[in-house]
C-alpha atoms as a PDB file:
ATOM      1  CA  UNK A   1     138.980 -50.654 -67.932  1.00  0.00           C
ATOM      2  CA  UNK A   2     137.072 -50.284 -71.498  1.00  0.00           C
ATOM      3  CA  UNK A   3     136.948 -53.951 -72.241  1.00  0.00           C
ATOM      4  CA  UNK A   4     135.210 -54.955 -69.065  1.00  0.00           C
ATOM      5  CA  UNK A   5     132.817 -52.463 -69.528  1.00  0.00           C
ATOM      6  CA  UNK A   6     131.736 -53.570 -73.298  1.00  0.00           C
ATOM      7  CA  UNK A   7     131.589 -57.297 -72.572  1.00  0.00           C
ATOM      8  CA  UNK A   8     129.572 -56.337 -69.335  1.00  0.00           C
ATOM      9  CA  UNK A   9     126.824 -54.141 -71.890  1.00  0.00           C
ATOM     10  CA  UNK A  10     127.392 -57.094 -74.499  1.00  0.00           C
ATOM     11  CA  UNK A  11     126.151 -59.590 -71.478  1.00  0.00           C
ATOM     12  CA  UNK A  12     123.419 -57.363 -70.581  1.00  0.00           C
ATOM     13  CA  UNK A  13     121.875 -56.859 -74.016  1.00  0.00           C
ATOM     14  CA  UNK A  14     122.076 -60.553 -74.505  1.00  0.00           C
ATOM     15  CA  UNK A  15     120.028 -61.458 -71.442  1.00  0.00           C
ATOM     16  CA  UNK A  16     117.470 -58.761 -71.983  1.00  0.00           C
ATOM     17  CA  UNK A  17     117.327 -59.811 -75.496  1.00  0.00           C
ATOM     18  CA  UNK A  18     116.761 -63.572 -74.804  1.00  0.00           C
ATOM     19  CA  UNK A  19     114.172 -62.275 -71.940  1.00  0.00           C
ATOM     20  CA  UNK A  20     111.791 -60.208 -74.824  1.00  0.00           C
ATOM     21  CA  UNK A  21     112.553 -63.175 -77.006  1.00  0.00           C
ATOM     22  CA  UNK A  22     109.321 -64.642 -78.183  1.00  0.00           C
ATOM     23  CA  UNK A  23     108.854 -68.540 -76.582  1.00  0.00           C
ATOM     24  CA  UNK A  24     108.872 -71.402 -78.550  1.00  0.00           C
ATOM     25  CA  UNK A  25     105.329 -73.011 -79.817  1.00  0.00           C
ATOM     26  CA  UNK A  26     104.692 -75.541 -77.731  1.00  0.00           C
ATOM     27  CA  UNK A  27     104.434 -78.998 -79.496  1.00  0.00           C
ATOM     28  CA  UNK A  28     101.060 -79.994 -80.922  1.00  0.00           C
ATOM     29  CA  UNK A  29     100.048 -83.542 -79.283  1.00  0.00           C
ATOM     30  CA  UNK A  30     101.016 -86.211 -81.391  1.00  0.00           C
ATOM     31  CA  UNK A  31     100.979 -89.867 -82.186  1.00  0.00           C
ATOM     32  CA  UNK A  32     104.567 -91.452 -82.645  1.00  0.00           C
ATOM     33  CA  UNK A  33     104.088 -95.367 -83.257  1.00  0.00           C
ATOM     34  CA  UNK A  34     106.799 -98.126 -84.410  1.00  0.00           C
ATOM     35  CA  UNK A  35     104.579-101.032 -85.960  1.00  0.00           C
ATOM     36  CA  UNK A  36     105.552-103.938 -87.763  1.00  0.00           C
ATOM     37  CA  UNK A  37     104.605-101.995 -91.071  1.00  0.00           C
ATOM     38  CA  UNK A  38     107.127 -98.966 -90.227  1.00  0.00           C
ATOM     39  CA  UNK A  39     106.805 -95.766 -88.046  1.00  0.00           C
ATOM     40  CA  UNK A  40     103.562 -93.567 -87.868  1.00  0.00           C
ATOM     41  CA  UNK A  41     103.622 -90.054 -86.982  1.00  0.00           C
ATOM     42  CA  UNK A  42     100.868 -87.620 -86.858  1.00  0.00           C
ATOM     43  CA  UNK A  43      99.274 -85.018 -84.962  1.00  0.00           C
ATOM     44  CA  UNK A  44      96.348 -87.093 -82.558  1.00  0.00           C
ATOM     45  CA  UNK A  45      93.829 -83.892 -84.253  1.00  0.00           C
ATOM     46  CA  UNK A  46      94.638 -85.915 -87.467  1.00  0.00           C
ATOM     47  CA  UNK A  47      93.223 -89.262 -86.434  1.00  0.00           C
ATOM     48  CA  UNK A  48      89.596 -87.875 -87.097  1.00  0.00           C
ATOM     49  CA  UNK A  49      90.188 -87.250 -90.468  1.00  0.00           C
ATOM     50  CA  UNK A  50      92.431 -90.356 -91.144  1.00  0.00           C
ATOM     51  CA  UNK A  51      90.150 -92.819 -89.495  1.00  0.00           C
ATOM     52  CA  UNK A  52      86.799 -91.228 -90.147  1.00  0.00           C
ATOM     53  CA  UNK A  53      83.279 -92.913 -88.765  1.00  0.00           C
ATOM     54  CA  UNK A  54      81.381 -93.737 -91.316  1.00  0.00           C
ATOM     55  CA  UNK A  55      77.726 -92.393 -92.271  1.00  0.00           C
ATOM     56  CA  UNK A  56      75.160 -94.124 -90.060  1.00  0.00           C
ATOM     57  CA  UNK A  57      77.847 -95.973 -87.919  1.00  0.00           C
ATOM     58  CA  UNK A  58      77.234 -95.530 -83.962  1.00  0.00           C
ATOM     59  CA  UNK A  59      80.450 -97.340 -82.945  1.00  0.00           C
ATOM     60  CA  UNK A  60      83.481 -97.890 -85.096  1.00  0.00           C
ATOM     61  CA  UNK A  61      86.767 -99.665 -84.767  1.00  0.00           C
ATOM     62  CA  UNK A  62      89.811 -98.991 -87.213  1.00  0.00           C
ATOM     63  CA  UNK A  63      92.852-100.461 -86.483  1.00  0.00           C
ATOM     64  CA  UNK A  64      95.701 -97.931 -86.982  1.00  0.00           C
ATOM     65  CA  UNK A  65      98.335-100.457 -86.699  1.00  0.00           C
ATOM     66  CA  UNK A  66      99.417-103.086 -84.525  1.00  0.00           C
ATOM     67  CA  UNK A  67     103.333-105.332 -83.739  1.00  0.00           C
ATOM     68  CA  UNK A  68     103.485-108.797 -82.160  1.00  0.00           C
ATOM     69  CA  UNK A  69     102.306-107.691 -78.983  1.00  0.00           C
ATOM     70  CA  UNK A  70      99.806-104.895 -79.556  1.00  0.00           C
ATOM     71  CA  UNK A  71      97.176-103.623 -81.604  1.00  0.00           C
ATOM     72  CA  UNK A  72      96.249 -99.617 -81.625  1.00  0.00           C
ATOM     73  CA  UNK A  73      92.732 -98.456 -83.099  1.00  0.00           C
ATOM     74  CA  UNK A  74      90.672 -95.581 -83.047  1.00  0.00           C
ATOM     75  CA  UNK A  75      87.131 -95.784 -81.836  1.00  0.00           C
ATOM     76  CA  UNK A  76      84.341 -93.958 -82.365  1.00  0.00           C
ATOM     77  CA  UNK A  77      81.095 -93.963 -80.029  1.00  0.00           C
ATOM     78  CA  UNK A  78      78.367 -92.038 -80.634  1.00  0.00           C
ATOM     79  CA  UNK A  79      76.331 -92.996 -78.240  1.00  0.00           C
ATOM     80  CA  UNK A  80      77.105 -95.884 -75.907  1.00  0.00           C
ATOM     81  CA  UNK A  81      78.730 -99.699 -75.857  1.00  0.00           C
ATOM     82  CA  UNK A  82      77.274-102.341 -74.541  1.00  0.00           C
ATOM     83  CA  UNK A  83      78.498-103.478 -71.425  1.00  0.00           C
ATOM     84  CA  UNK A  84      81.207-106.641 -71.893  1.00  0.00           C
ATOM     85  CA  UNK A  85      84.917-107.389 -70.850  1.00  0.00           C
ATOM     86  CA  UNK A  86      88.054-108.744 -72.538  1.00  0.00           C
ATOM     87  CA  UNK A  87      89.407-112.411 -71.036  1.00  0.00           C
ATOM     88  CA  UNK A  88      92.430-112.069 -72.946  1.00  0.00           C
ATOM     89  CA  UNK A  89      93.472-108.670 -73.307  1.00  0.00           C
ATOM     90  CA  UNK A  90      94.327-105.668 -71.209  1.00  0.00           C
ATOM     91  CA  UNK A  91      93.069-102.394 -72.909  1.00  0.00           C
ATOM     92  CA  UNK A  92      94.805 -98.607 -72.771  1.00  0.00           C
ATOM     93  CA  UNK A  93      92.206 -95.567 -73.773  1.00  0.00           C
ATOM     94  CA  UNK A  94      93.051 -91.967 -74.303  1.00  0.00           C
ATOM     95  CA  UNK A  95      89.610 -89.821 -74.709  1.00  0.00           C
ATOM     96  CA  UNK A  96      90.697 -87.330 -77.546  1.00  0.00           C
ATOM     97  CA  UNK A  97      87.168 -86.154 -78.375  1.00  0.00           C
ATOM     98  CA  UNK A  98      83.858 -86.313 -76.225  1.00  0.00           C
ATOM     99  CA  UNK A  99      82.987 -86.571 -72.527  1.00  0.00           C
ATOM    100  CA  UNK A 100      80.711 -89.232 -70.791  1.00  0.00           C
ATOM    101  CA  UNK A 101      80.889 -91.801 -68.213  1.00  0.00           C
ATOM    102  CA  UNK A 102      83.257 -95.125 -67.851  1.00  0.00           C
ATOM    103  CA  UNK A 103      81.972 -97.804 -65.957  1.00  0.00           C
ATOM    104  CA  UNK A 104      84.942 -99.966 -64.984  1.00  0.00           C
ATOM    105  CA  UNK A 105      83.994-103.035 -63.073  1.00  0.00           C
ATOM    106  CA  UNK A 106      80.762-101.888 -60.894  1.00  0.00           C
ATOM    107  CA  UNK A 107      81.910 -97.812 -60.934  1.00  0.00           C
ATOM    108  CA  UNK A 108      81.037 -95.340 -63.183  1.00  0.00           C
ATOM    109  CA  UNK A 109      83.069 -92.304 -63.546  1.00  0.00           C
ATOM    110  CA  UNK A 110      83.395 -89.236 -65.663  1.00  0.00           C
ATOM    111  CA  UNK A 111      86.142 -89.044 -68.565  1.00  0.00           C
ATOM    112  CA  UNK A 112      86.577 -86.409 -70.929  1.00  0.00           C
ATOM    113  CA  UNK A 113      89.313 -85.141 -73.206  1.00  0.00           C
ATOM    114  CA  UNK A 114      92.334 -86.097 -72.245  1.00  0.00           C
ATOM    115  CA  UNK A 115      91.661 -88.982 -70.001  1.00  0.00           C
ATOM    116  CA  UNK A 116      93.769 -92.349 -70.019  1.00  0.00           C
ATOM    117  CA  UNK A 117      92.125 -95.404 -68.978  1.00  0.00           C
ATOM    118  CA  UNK A 118      93.560 -98.558 -67.938  1.00  0.00           C
ATOM    119  CA  UNK A 119      91.201-102.157 -68.568  1.00  0.00           C
ATOM    120  CA  UNK A 120      92.850-104.996 -67.021  1.00  0.00           C
ATOM    121  CA  UNK A 121      91.530-108.018 -68.878  1.00  0.00           C
ATOM    122  CA  UNK A 122      88.315-109.571 -66.983  1.00  0.00           C
ATOM    123  CA  UNK A 123      87.267-106.365 -66.266  1.00  0.00           C
ATOM    124  CA  UNK A 124      83.427-105.257 -67.324  1.00  0.00           C
ATOM    125  CA  UNK A 125      83.619-102.061 -69.333  1.00  0.00           C
ATOM    126  CA  UNK A 126      81.854 -99.737 -71.420  1.00  0.00           C
ATOM    127  CA  UNK A 127      81.676 -95.897 -72.429  1.00  0.00           C
ATOM    128  CA  UNK A 128      78.516 -93.659 -72.316  1.00  0.00           C
ATOM    129  CA  UNK A 129      79.036 -90.387 -74.262  1.00  0.00           C
ATOM    130  CA  UNK A 130      77.604 -87.585 -73.157  1.00  0.00           C
ATOM    131  CA  UNK A 131      78.635 -84.913 -75.442  1.00  0.00           C
ATOM    132  CA  UNK A 132      75.992 -84.587 -78.241  1.00  0.00           C
ATOM    133  CA  UNK A 133      78.761 -85.362 -81.162  1.00  0.00           C
ATOM    134  CA  UNK A 134      80.361 -88.749 -81.759  1.00  0.00           C
ATOM    135  CA  UNK A 135      83.255 -89.337 -79.214  1.00  0.00           C
ATOM    136  CA  UNK A 136      86.773 -90.627 -80.408  1.00  0.00           C
ATOM    137  CA  UNK A 137      89.650 -92.544 -78.676  1.00  0.00           C
ATOM    138  CA  UNK A 138      93.040 -94.192 -79.198  1.00  0.00           C
ATOM    139  CA  UNK A 139      92.771 -97.585 -78.035  1.00  0.00           C
ATOM    140  CA  UNK A 140      95.833-100.080 -77.037  1.00  0.00           C
ATOM    141  CA  UNK A 141      94.995-103.888 -77.128  1.00  0.00           C
ATOM    142  CA  UNK A 142      97.598-106.256 -75.715  1.00  0.00           C
ATOM    143  CA  UNK A 143      97.881-108.840 -77.460  1.00  0.00           C
ATOM    144  CA  UNK A 144      97.111-107.521 -80.079  1.00  0.00           C
ATOM    145  CA  UNK A 145      93.196-107.504 -80.280  1.00  0.00           C
ATOM    146  CA  UNK A 146      91.713-110.289 -83.089  1.00  0.00           C
ATOM    147  CA  UNK A 147      88.183-108.731 -82.766  1.00  0.00           C
ATOM    148  CA  UNK A 148      87.027-112.058 -81.200  1.00  0.00           C
ATOM    149  CA  UNK A 149      87.679-111.449 -77.672  1.00  0.00           C
ATOM    150  CA  UNK A 150      84.828-109.353 -76.765  1.00  0.00           C
ATOM    151  CA  UNK A 151      81.958-111.268 -73.979  1.00  0.00           C
ATOM    152  CA  UNK A 152      78.614-109.213 -73.187  1.00  0.00           C
ATOM    153  CA  UNK A 153      78.321-108.509 -69.344  1.00  0.00           C
ATOM    154  CA  UNK A 154      75.109-107.230 -67.348  1.00  0.00           C
END
């Protein structure tokens, strides 16, 4: 009779200890991407310091990496983009800092930190920053962006 009671007591202590244990820290959002040049892993918050906005710039695109199918960029927007489209590129955007409005086609919708946007090729679009500080986004172009496929629209 003693052995079963001892086991029950140990099980009770183990269950109680596991219930009282501190929860694991959630992982910070991170970028983990494999490019032609190798793998890049870093916290999303580190993108701002790794690809800082140059003084006096209102709009800046910095390439993070690329492969044969896509290119990845840190995009800073201080005020607004000129409405435009990309005829040969699809665009996927994750807002990291700031908030404002995104025009997609004929509609404008509110966006902010954590917003995820998909802009198919040919779709007129433009971001207007309303946050009072430079906005930062992570942008992926497919195929890899060559810098020339930017057509202004009304």
